[in-house]
Amino acid sequence: MKKYIASIAFLFALGMSAAFAQDDISPSRKQAIDSLALEKVRDLSKYISIIGSKETAVLRSESCHGPC
């Protein structure tokens, strides 16, 4: 789980370095890109934690009484 978050953070930092390397982007645009990227990282972290949760897999198998 921690590896996934670290990987996402690394990719985020790599992407942001490319965005900040362009001098012709306005500061407000940079802030918008940063904000959107952080939102995506949070969404991915939530998704990974749900998918990686062993409790979720157990609950699904217990709640499935017929063909799933």
PDB file of N, CA and C in Angstrom:
ATOM      1  N   MET A   1       0.823  -1.190   0.000  1.00  0.00           N
ATOM      2  CA  MET A   1       0.000   0.000   0.000  1.00  0.00           C
ATOM      3  C   MET A   1       0.869   1.257   0.000  1.00  0.00           C
ATOM      4  N   LYS A   2       1.863   1.259   0.870  1.00  0.00           N
ATOM      5  CA  LYS A   2       2.763   2.419   0.945  1.00  0.00           C
ATOM      6  C   LYS A   2       3.562   2.567  -0.348  1.00  0.00           C
ATOM      7  N   LYS A   3       3.868   1.428  -0.994  1.00  0.00           N
ATOM      8  CA  LYS A   3       4.612   1.488  -2.256  1.00  0.00           C
ATOM      9  C   LYS A   3       3.791   2.196  -3.324  1.00  0.00           C
ATOM     10  N   TYR A   4       2.481   1.916  -3.340  1.00  0.00           N
ATOM     11  CA  TYR A   4       1.623   2.531  -4.343  1.00  0.00           C
ATOM     12  C   TYR A   4       1.538   4.038  -4.133  1.00  0.00           C
ATOM     13  N   ILE A   5       1.391   4.454  -2.894  1.00  0.00           N
ATOM     14  CA  ILE A   5       1.298   5.884  -2.603  1.00  0.00           C
ATOM     15  C   ILE A   5       2.611   6.574  -2.942  1.00  0.00           C
ATOM     16  N   ALA A   6       3.720   5.916  -2.617  1.00  0.00           N
ATOM     17  CA  ALA A   6       5.029   6.487  -2.945  1.00  0.00           C
ATOM     18  C   ALA A   6       5.202   6.593  -4.457  1.00  0.00           C
ATOM     19  N   SER A   7       4.741   5.574  -5.181  1.00  0.00           N
ATOM     20  CA  SER A   7       4.845   5.612  -6.647  1.00  0.00           C
ATOM     21  C   SER A   7       4.001   6.737  -7.229  1.00  0.00           C
ATOM     22  N   ILE A   8       2.806   6.888  -6.692  1.00  0.00           N
ATOM     23  CA  ILE A   8       1.918   7.955  -7.167  1.00  0.00           C
ATOM     24  C   ILE A   8       2.525   9.317  -6.873  1.00  0.00           C
ATOM     25  N   ALA A   9       3.075   9.477  -5.678  1.00  0.00           N
ATOM     26  CA  ALA A   9       3.689  10.747  -5.316  1.00  0.00           C
ATOM     27  C   ALA A   9       4.885  11.047  -6.219  1.00  0.00           C
ATOM     28  N   PHE A  10       5.666  10.016  -6.536  1.00  0.00           N
ATOM     29  CA  PHE A  10       6.806  10.207  -7.428  1.00  0.00           C
ATOM     30  C   PHE A  10       6.347  10.640  -8.815  1.00  0.00           C
ATOM     31  N   LEU A  11       5.329   9.960  -9.347  1.00  0.00           N
ATOM     32  CA  LEU A  11       4.817  10.325 -10.666  1.00  0.00           C
ATOM     33  C   LEU A  11       4.241  11.736 -10.661  1.00  0.00           C
ATOM     34  N   PHE A  12       3.575  12.090  -9.583  1.00  0.00           N
ATOM     35  CA  PHE A  12       3.042  13.443  -9.441  1.00  0.00           C
ATOM     36  C   PHE A  12       4.175  14.467  -9.471  1.00  0.00           C
ATOM     37  N   ALA A  13       5.229  14.213  -8.702  1.00  0.00           N
ATOM     38  CA  ALA A  13       6.368  15.138  -8.658  1.00  0.00           C
ATOM     39  C   ALA A  13       7.050  15.231 -10.024  1.00  0.00           C
ATOM     40  N   LEU A  14       7.147  14.103 -10.700  1.00  0.00           N
ATOM     41  CA  LEU A  14       7.750  14.093 -12.027  1.00  0.00           C
ATOM     42  C   LEU A  14       6.912  14.914 -13.001  1.00  0.00           C
ATOM     43  N   GLY A  15       5.612  14.750 -12.948  1.00  0.00           N
ATOM     44  CA  GLY A  15       4.726  15.512 -13.821  1.00  0.00           C
ATOM     45  C   GLY A  15       4.751  16.994 -13.514  1.00  0.00           C
ATOM     46  N   MET A  16       4.796  17.324 -12.246  1.00  0.00           N
ATOM     47  CA  MET A  16       4.809  18.736 -11.859  1.00  0.00           C
ATOM     48  C   MET A  16       6.128  19.395 -12.237  1.00  0.00           C
ATOM     49  N   SER A  17       7.229  18.643 -12.200  1.00  0.00           N
ATOM     50  CA  SER A  17       8.505  19.242 -12.601  1.00  0.00           C
ATOM     51  C   SER A  17       8.465  19.595 -14.085  1.00  0.00           C
ATOM     52  N   ALA A  18       7.786  18.781 -14.874  1.00  0.00           N
ATOM     53  CA  ALA A  18       7.655  19.096 -16.299  1.00  0.00           C
ATOM     54  C   ALA A  18       6.774  20.330 -16.499  1.00  0.00           C
ATOM     55  N   ALA A  19       5.731  20.459 -15.700  1.00  0.00           N
ATOM     56  CA  ALA A  19       4.841  21.616 -15.817  1.00  0.00           C
ATOM     57  C   ALA A  19       5.560  22.898 -15.387  1.00  0.00           C
ATOM     58  N   PHE A  20       6.346  22.814 -14.338  1.00  0.00           N
ATOM     59  CA  PHE A  20       7.037  24.001 -13.861  1.00  0.00           C
ATOM     60  C   PHE A  20       8.260  24.344 -14.715  1.00  0.00           C
ATOM     61  N   ALA A  21       8.714  23.408 -15.513  1.00  0.00           N
ATOM     62  CA  ALA A  21       9.852  23.676 -16.382  1.00  0.00           C
ATOM     63  C   ALA A  21       9.459  24.600 -17.535  1.00  0.00           C
ATOM     64  N   GLN A  22       8.180  24.694 -17.810  1.00  0.00           N
ATOM     65  CA  GLN A  22       7.709  25.576 -18.874  1.00  0.00           C
ATOM     66  C   GLN A  22       7.483  26.971 -18.290  1.00  0.00           C
ATOM     67  N   ASP A  23       8.247  27.929 -18.748  1.00  0.00           N
ATOM     68  CA  ASP A  23       8.172  29.276 -18.192  1.00  0.00           C
ATOM     69  C   ASP A  23       6.963  30.063 -18.686  1.00  0.00           C
ATOM     70  N   ASP A  24       6.345  29.635 -19.776  1.00  0.00           N
ATOM     71  CA  ASP A  24       5.253  30.408 -20.344  1.00  0.00           C
ATOM     72  C   ASP A  24       3.889  30.103 -19.711  1.00  0.00           C
ATOM     73  N   ILE A  25       3.858  29.300 -18.655  1.00  0.00           N
ATOM     74  CA  ILE A  25       2.601  29.022 -17.953  1.00  0.00           C
ATOM     75  C   ILE A  25       2.437  30.049 -16.836  1.00  0.00           C
ATOM     76  N   SER A  26       1.248  30.615 -16.760  1.00  0.00           N
ATOM     77  CA  SER A  26       0.999  31.637 -15.736  1.00  0.00           C
ATOM     78  C   SER A  26       0.934  30.996 -14.351  1.00  0.00           C
ATOM     79  N   PRO A  27       1.216  31.768 -13.311  1.00  0.00           N
ATOM     80  CA  PRO A  27       1.163  31.230 -11.953  1.00  0.00           C
ATOM     81  C   PRO A  27      -0.215  30.671 -11.584  1.00  0.00           C
ATOM     82  N   SER A  28      -1.278  31.302 -12.052  1.00  0.00           N
ATOM     83  CA  SER A  28      -2.609  30.785 -11.731  1.00  0.00           C
ATOM     84  C   SER A  28      -2.848  29.445 -12.435  1.00  0.00           C
ATOM     85  N   ARG A  29      -2.316  29.300 -13.632  1.00  0.00           N
ATOM     86  CA  ARG A  29      -2.438  28.033 -14.353  1.00  0.00           C
ATOM     87  C   ARG A  29      -1.637  26.942 -13.654  1.00  0.00           C
ATOM     88  N   LYS A  30      -0.445  27.285 -13.176  1.00  0.00           N
ATOM     89  CA  LYS A  30       0.363  26.331 -12.428  1.00  0.00           C
ATOM     90  C   LYS A  30      -0.375  25.863 -11.179  1.00  0.00           C
ATOM     91  N   GLN A  31      -1.014  26.784 -10.492  1.00  0.00           N
ATOM     92  CA  GLN A  31      -1.753  26.435  -9.282  1.00  0.00           C
ATOM     93  C   GLN A  31      -2.926  25.520  -9.626  1.00  0.00           C
ATOM     94  N   ALA A  32      -3.603  25.786 -10.731  1.00  0.00           N
ATOM     95  CA  ALA A  32      -4.730  24.953 -11.155  1.00  0.00           C
ATOM     96  C   ALA A  32      -4.257  23.535 -11.489  1.00  0.00           C
ATOM     97  N   ILE A  33      -3.124  23.439 -12.169  1.00  0.00           N
ATOM     98  CA  ILE A  33      -2.559  22.127 -12.507  1.00  0.00           C
ATOM     99  C   ILE A  33      -2.189  21.387 -11.230  1.00  0.00           C
ATOM    100  N   ASP A  34      -1.554  22.070 -10.299  1.00  0.00           N
ATOM    101  CA  ASP A  34      -1.147  21.468  -9.037  1.00  0.00           C
ATOM    102  C   ASP A  34      -2.360  20.978  -8.247  1.00  0.00           C
ATOM    103  N   SER A  35      -3.381  21.794  -8.191  1.00  0.00           N
ATOM    104  CA  SER A  35      -4.586  21.438  -7.455  1.00  0.00           C
ATOM    105  C   SER A  35      -5.263  20.212  -8.064  1.00  0.00           C
ATOM    106  N   LEU A  36      -5.372  20.182  -9.364  1.00  0.00           N
ATOM    107  CA  LEU A  36      -5.985  19.047 -10.052  1.00  0.00           C
ATOM    108  C   LEU A  36      -5.163  17.776  -9.843  1.00  0.00           C
ATOM    109  N   ALA A  37      -3.851  17.900  -9.922  1.00  0.00           N
ATOM    110  CA  ALA A  37      -2.987  16.737  -9.734  1.00  0.00           C
ATOM    111  C   ALA A  37      -3.109  16.185  -8.317  1.00  0.00           C
ATOM    112  N   LEU A  38      -3.156  17.062  -7.320  1.00  0.00           N
ATOM    113  CA  LEU A  38      -3.321  16.607  -5.937  1.00  0.00           C
ATOM    114  C   LEU A  38      -4.658  15.908  -5.741  1.00  0.00           C
ATOM    115  N   GLU A  39      -5.700  16.428  -6.366  1.00  0.00           N
ATOM    116  CA  GLU A  39      -7.015  15.794  -6.281  1.00  0.00           C
ATOM    117  C   GLU A  39      -6.969  14.393  -6.878  1.00  0.00           C
ATOM    118  N   LYS A  40      -6.288  14.251  -8.003  1.00  0.00           N
ATOM    119  CA  LYS A  40      -6.168  12.941  -8.658  1.00  0.00           C
ATOM    120  C   LYS A  40      -5.363  11.976  -7.795  1.00  0.00           C
ATOM    121  N   VAL A  41      -4.313  12.455  -7.145  1.00  0.00           N
ATOM    122  CA  VAL A  41      -3.522  11.605  -6.256  1.00  0.00           C
ATOM    123  C   VAL A  41      -4.379  11.116  -5.097  1.00  0.00           C
ATOM    124  N   ARG A  42      -5.193  12.009  -4.523  1.00  0.00           N
ATOM    125  CA  ARG A  42      -6.089  11.597  -3.429  1.00  0.00           C
ATOM    126  C   ARG A  42      -7.087  10.548  -3.909  1.00  0.00           C
ATOM    127  N   ASP A  43      -7.663  10.761  -5.086  1.00  0.00           N
ATOM    128  CA  ASP A  43      -8.623   9.803  -5.630  1.00  0.00           C
ATOM    129  C   ASP A  43      -7.971   8.441  -5.857  1.00  0.00           C
ATOM    130  N   LEU A  44      -6.768   8.449  -6.428  1.00  0.00           N
ATOM    131  CA  LEU A  44      -6.060   7.193  -6.667  1.00  0.00           C
ATOM    132  C   LEU A  44      -5.697   6.493  -5.359  1.00  0.00           C
ATOM    133  N   SER A  45      -5.315   7.265  -4.355  1.00  0.00           N
ATOM    134  CA  SER A  45      -4.980   6.677  -3.061  1.00  0.00           C
ATOM    135  C   SER A  45      -6.193   5.996  -2.445  1.00  0.00           C
ATOM    136  N   LYS A  46      -7.352   6.654  -2.532  1.00  0.00           N
ATOM    137  CA  LYS A  46      -8.583   6.049  -2.015  1.00  0.00           C
ATOM    138  C   LYS A  46      -8.903   4.772  -2.773  1.00  0.00           C
ATOM    139  N   TYR A  47      -8.797   4.816  -4.086  1.00  0.00           N
ATOM    140  CA  TYR A  47      -9.087   3.653  -4.920  1.00  0.00           C
ATOM    141  C   TYR A  47      -8.158   2.496  -4.577  1.00  0.00           C
ATOM    142  N   ILE A  48      -6.872   2.779  -4.450  1.00  0.00           N
ATOM    143  CA  ILE A  48      -5.903   1.730  -4.128  1.00  0.00           C
ATOM    144  C   ILE A  48      -6.179   1.151  -2.756  1.00  0.00           C
ATOM    145  N   SER A  49      -6.536   1.980  -1.791  1.00  0.00           N
ATOM    146  CA  SER A  49      -6.813   1.460  -0.450  1.00  0.00           C
ATOM    147  C   SER A  49      -8.066   0.588  -0.448  1.00  0.00           C
ATOM    148  N   ILE A  50      -9.063   0.931  -1.255  1.00  0.00           N
ATOM    149  CA  ILE A  50     -10.273   0.104  -1.344  1.00  0.00           C
ATOM    150  C   ILE A  50      -9.952  -1.218  -2.030  1.00  0.00           C
ATOM    151  N   ILE A  51      -9.261  -1.152  -3.138  1.00  0.00           N
ATOM    152  CA  ILE A  51      -8.920  -2.368  -3.888  1.00  0.00           C
ATOM    153  C   ILE A  51      -7.988  -3.263  -3.079  1.00  0.00           C
ATOM    154  N   GLY A  52      -7.057  -2.679  -2.380  1.00  0.00           N
ATOM    155  CA  GLY A  52      -6.073  -3.448  -1.628  1.00  0.00           C
ATOM    156  C   GLY A  52      -6.553  -3.928  -0.279  1.00  0.00           C
ATOM    157  N   SER A  53      -7.734  -3.515   0.130  1.00  0.00           N
ATOM    158  CA  SER A  53      -8.251  -3.898   1.443  1.00  0.00           C
ATOM    159  C   SER A  53      -8.675  -5.363   1.434  1.00  0.00           C
ATOM    160  N   LYS A  54      -8.142  -6.128   2.345  1.00  0.00           N
ATOM    161  CA  LYS A  54      -8.529  -7.538   2.447  1.00  0.00           C
ATOM    162  C   LYS A  54      -9.941  -7.658   2.992  1.00  0.00           C
ATOM    163  N   GLU A  55     -10.362  -6.731   3.810  1.00  0.00           N
ATOM    164  CA  GLU A  55     -11.717  -6.777   4.354  1.00  0.00           C
ATOM    165  C   GLU A  55     -12.748  -6.642   3.246  1.00  0.00           C
ATOM    166  N   THR A  56     -12.472  -5.828   2.251  1.00  0.00           N
ATOM    167  CA  THR A  56     -13.403  -5.648   1.134  1.00  0.00           C
ATOM    168  C   THR A  56     -13.594  -6.971   0.403  1.00  0.00           C
ATOM    169  N   ALA A  57     -12.525  -7.696   0.162  1.00  0.00           N
ATOM    170  CA  ALA A  57     -12.617  -8.975  -0.536  1.00  0.00           C
ATOM    171  C   ALA A  57     -13.403  -9.988   0.287  1.00  0.00           C
ATOM    172  N   VAL A  58     -13.199  -9.994   1.604  1.00  0.00           N
ATOM    173  CA  VAL A  58     -13.913 -10.917   2.477  1.00  0.00           C
ATOM    174  C   VAL A  58     -15.395 -10.567   2.502  1.00  0.00           C
ATOM    175  N   LEU A  59     -15.716  -9.294   2.617  1.00  0.00           N
ATOM    176  CA  LEU A  59     -17.110  -8.887   2.653  1.00  0.00           C
ATOM    177  C   LEU A  59     -17.818  -9.232   1.357  1.00  0.00           C
ATOM    178  N   ARG A  60     -17.162  -9.074   0.242  1.00  0.00           N
ATOM    179  CA  ARG A  60     -17.780  -9.408  -1.039  1.00  0.00           C
ATOM    180  C   ARG A  60     -18.083 -10.889  -1.122  1.00  0.00           C
ATOM    181  N   SER A  61     -17.139 -11.731  -0.702  1.00  0.00           N
ATOM    182  CA  SER A  61     -17.350 -13.176  -0.809  1.00  0.00           C
ATOM    183  C   SER A  61     -18.427 -13.635   0.164  1.00  0.00           C
ATOM    184  N   GLU A  62     -18.543 -13.000   1.327  1.00  0.00           N
ATOM    185  CA  GLU A  62     -19.555 -13.378   2.286  1.00  0.00           C
ATOM    186  C   GLU A  62     -20.941 -12.926   1.840  1.00  0.00           C
ATOM    187  N   SER A  63     -21.040 -11.810   1.173  1.00  0.00           N
ATOM    188  CA  SER A  63     -22.344 -11.293   0.775  1.00  0.00           C
ATOM    189  C   SER A  63     -22.851 -11.933  -0.503  1.00  0.00           C
ATOM    190  N   CYS A  64     -22.033 -12.675  -1.186  1.00  0.00           N
ATOM    191  CA  CYS A  64     -22.420 -13.288  -2.451  1.00  0.00           C
ATOM    192  C   CYS A  64     -22.945 -14.705  -2.168  1.00  0.00           C
ATOM    193  N   HIS A  65     -24.275 -14.854  -2.189  1.00  0.00           N
ATOM    194  CA  HIS A  65     -24.879 -16.160  -1.923  1.00  0.00           C
ATOM    195  C   HIS A  65     -25.269 -16.885  -3.189  1.00  0.00           C
ATOM    196  N   GLY A  66     -25.409 -16.182  -4.264  1.00  0.00           N
ATOM    197  CA  GLY A  66     -25.765 -16.788  -5.543  1.00  0.00           C
ATOM    198  C   GLY A  66     -24.651 -16.580  -6.532  1.00  0.00           C
ATOM    199  N   PRO A  67     -24.932 -16.710  -7.798  1.00  0.00           N
ATOM    200  CA  PRO A  67     -23.896 -16.423  -8.809  1.00  0.00           C
ATOM    201  C   PRO A  67     -23.574 -14.928  -8.833  1.00  0.00           C
ATOM    202  N   CYS A  68     -22.328 -14.612  -8.693  1.00  0.00           N
ATOM    203  CA  CYS A  68     -21.923 -13.206  -8.618  1.00  0.00           C
ATOM    204  C   CYS A  68     -21.212 -12.760  -9.857  1.00  0.00           C
TER     205      CYS A  68
END
